[in-house]
Amino acid sequence: MKLNHYLANRLKEVYTQGKWVLGTNFKEQISDLHWEKANQKVGDFNSIADITFHINYYTSGMIKVLKGGPLDIRDKYSFDYPGIASEQDWQNLVSKFCLDSEEFIDLVEKMTDQKIVSDFVEKKYGTYFRNIDSMIEHASYHLGQIVLIKKQIK
């Protein structure tokens, strides 16, 4: 299997189509959620809306890099957003998340193996493979949080 197909399939599993690891995916978990539930906090945890924004922040940043742009995402900004004040705000975030996820997967699927094993922006950041794989792990971790939070707020 080529690296681009391997990574794209793993991204699909966690972002849009998967059922393998957690029996679900991000799209499935956020698409059926009312905005007030998406905003609901459980203890000190981030809300589902917070987590959705957070993962999409990094996804959008990766898309920019894969299109030849600069790496300008920063951890300190990964939860900075105006919040969700209505169902329309929530649907806009869900839509952006889904569209960006599909674009990210498509861009990865079109990468060559040579590009995937090359340095990501600068040598100090490792390879594209390492960074895309880290995105998969990061999204999987937060997907697990969403599943647990949803169980708590129901």
Protein backbone atom coordinates (compact mmCIF):
# COMPACT_ATOMS: atom_id res chain seq x y z
CA MET A 1 0.00 0.00 0.00
CA LYS A 2 1.25 3.45 -0.87
CA LEU A 3 1.81 5.87 2.00
CA ASN A 4 -0.71 8.42 0.71
CA HIS A 5 -3.48 5.81 0.64
CA TYR A 6 -2.52 4.49 4.07
CA LEU A 7 -2.62 7.96 5.65
CA ALA A 8 -5.77 9.04 3.79
CA ASN A 9 -7.58 5.89 4.92
CA ARG A 10 -6.55 6.49 8.53
CA LEU A 11 -7.71 10.11 8.30
CA LYS A 12 -11.06 8.95 6.91
CA GLU A 13 -11.40 6.53 9.84
CA VAL A 14 -11.12 9.22 12.47
CA TYR A 15 -12.56 12.25 10.66
CA THR A 16 -15.38 11.16 8.37
CA GLN A 17 -16.07 7.50 7.69
CA GLY A 18 -14.51 5.26 10.25
CA LYS A 19 -15.90 2.72 12.62
CA TRP A 20 -12.75 0.73 13.31
CA VAL A 21 -10.98 2.16 16.38
CA LEU A 22 -13.78 3.74 18.40
CA GLY A 23 -16.71 2.51 16.36
CA THR A 24 -17.38 6.06 15.23
CA ASN A 25 -15.80 9.17 13.73
CA PHE A 26 -15.81 12.93 14.30
CA LYS A 27 -18.40 13.70 11.63
CA GLU A 28 -20.83 11.17 13.06
CA GLN A 29 -20.37 12.45 16.61
CA ILE A 30 -20.83 16.15 15.88
CA SER A 31 -23.42 16.08 13.08
CA ASP A 32 -26.34 15.01 15.26
CA LEU A 33 -25.61 17.31 18.18
CA HIS A 34 -27.69 20.33 19.19
CA TRP A 35 -25.67 23.49 19.75
CA GLU A 36 -26.51 23.71 23.45
CA LYS A 37 -25.23 20.18 24.01
CA ALA A 38 -22.12 20.99 21.96
CA ASN A 39 -21.45 23.90 24.35
CA GLN A 40 -22.16 21.99 27.53
CA LYS A 41 -19.20 21.55 29.87
CA VAL A 42 -18.60 18.46 31.96
CA GLY A 43 -16.41 19.30 34.91
CA ASP A 44 -13.19 20.97 33.80
CA PHE A 45 -13.24 19.40 30.34
CA ASN A 46 -13.52 21.40 27.16
CA SER A 47 -16.90 21.32 25.46
CA ILE A 48 -17.48 19.36 22.28
CA ALA A 49 -17.62 22.68 20.42
CA ASP A 50 -14.23 23.64 21.90
CA ILE A 51 -12.72 20.32 20.83
CA THR A 52 -14.25 20.53 17.35
CA PHE A 53 -12.78 24.00 16.85
CA HIS A 54 -9.43 22.84 18.25
CA ILE A 55 -9.08 19.91 15.84
CA ASN A 56 -10.28 22.00 12.91
CA TYR A 57 -7.74 24.72 13.78
CA TYR A 58 -4.92 22.23 13.22
CA THR A 59 -6.60 20.68 10.18
CA SER A 60 -6.95 24.11 8.55
CA GLY A 61 -3.30 24.83 9.31
CA MET A 62 -2.21 21.57 7.72
CA ILE A 63 -4.28 22.31 4.63
CA LYS A 64 -2.50 25.63 4.26
CA VAL A 65 0.92 23.93 4.45
CA LEU A 66 -0.09 21.16 2.04
CA LYS A 67 -1.10 23.86 -0.44
CA GLY A 68 2.36 25.44 -0.16
CA GLY A 69 1.59 28.07 2.45
CA PRO A 70 3.41 28.85 5.69
CA LEU A 71 3.10 26.96 8.95
CA ASP A 72 1.44 29.64 11.05
CA ILE A 73 -0.63 27.66 13.55
CA ARG A 74 0.32 27.97 17.21
CA ASP A 75 -0.79 25.88 20.17
CA LYS A 76 -1.66 28.97 22.19
CA TYR A 77 -4.36 29.91 19.65
CA SER A 78 -5.86 26.45 19.15
CA PHE A 79 -8.85 27.13 21.41
CA ASP A 80 -9.29 30.83 20.53
CA TYR A 81 -12.62 31.31 18.84
CA PRO A 82 -15.69 33.45 19.50
CA GLY A 83 -17.70 30.52 20.79
CA ILE A 84 -21.04 29.09 19.77
CA ALA A 85 -24.05 31.30 20.54
CA SER A 86 -26.67 29.70 18.29
CA GLU A 87 -27.57 26.63 16.27
CA GLN A 88 -26.37 28.48 13.15
CA ASP A 89 -22.94 29.07 14.74
CA TRP A 90 -22.71 25.38 15.56
CA GLN A 91 -23.83 24.27 12.09
CA ASN A 92 -21.27 26.62 10.55
CA LEU A 93 -18.50 25.05 12.65
CA VAL A 94 -19.66 21.51 11.84
CA SER A 95 -19.82 22.38 8.14
CA LYS A 96 -16.33 23.93 8.19
CA PHE A 97 -14.99 20.92 10.06
CA CYS A 98 -16.49 18.48 7.53
CA LEU A 99 -15.37 20.46 4.47
CA ASP A 100 -11.86 20.97 5.83
CA SER A 101 -11.63 17.28 6.76
CA GLU A 102 -12.51 16.23 3.22
CA GLU A 103 -10.02 18.70 1.75
CA PHE A 104 -7.25 17.53 4.09
CA ILE A 105 -7.90 13.89 3.20
CA ASP A 106 -7.96 14.73 -0.52
CA LEU A 107 -4.66 16.63 -0.31
CA VAL A 108 -2.98 13.77 1.55
CA GLU A 109 -4.34 11.25 -0.95
CA LYS A 110 -2.71 13.23 -3.77
CA MET A 111 0.73 13.35 -2.12
CA THR A 112 3.61 11.32 -3.48
CA ASP A 113 5.54 8.94 -1.25
CA GLN A 114 8.60 11.10 -1.86
CA LYS A 115 6.78 14.16 -0.48
CA ILE A 116 5.38 12.23 2.48
CA VAL A 117 8.83 11.15 3.65
CA SER A 118 10.37 14.60 3.08
CA ASP A 119 10.87 17.28 5.73
CA PHE A 120 7.74 19.06 6.91
CA VAL A 121 8.37 22.81 6.44
CA GLU A 122 11.71 22.59 8.32
CA LYS A 123 13.83 19.57 9.27
CA LYS A 124 13.21 20.23 12.99
CA TYR A 125 9.50 19.35 12.52
CA GLY A 126 10.20 15.88 11.13
CA THR A 127 8.56 14.51 8.01
CA TYR A 128 5.15 15.02 6.50
CA PHE A 129 4.41 11.42 7.50
CA ARG A 130 5.18 12.14 11.14
CA ASN A 131 3.04 15.27 11.17
CA ILE A 132 0.05 13.71 9.40
CA ASP A 133 0.27 10.64 11.63
CA SER A 134 0.37 12.95 14.66
CA MET A 135 -2.79 14.64 13.40
CA ILE A 136 -4.48 11.23 13.28
CA GLU A 137 -3.40 10.42 16.83
CA HIS A 138 -4.42 13.86 18.09
CA ALA A 139 -7.84 13.64 16.47
CA SER A 140 -8.32 10.08 17.81
CA TYR A 141 -7.55 11.23 21.33
CA HIS A 142 -10.07 14.08 21.13
CA LEU A 143 -12.66 11.88 19.43
CA GLY A 144 -12.48 9.63 22.47
CA GLN A 145 -13.08 12.67 24.67
CA ILE A 146 -16.14 13.61 22.63
CA VAL A 147 -17.59 10.12 22.96
CA LEU A 148 -17.15 10.26 26.74
CA ILE A 149 -18.53 13.80 27.04
CA LYS A 150 -21.59 12.86 24.98
CA LYS A 151 -22.29 9.98 27.36
CA GLN A 152 -22.09 12.39 30.29
CA ILE A 153 -24.40 15.05 28.83
CA LYS A 154 -27.16 12.71 27.66
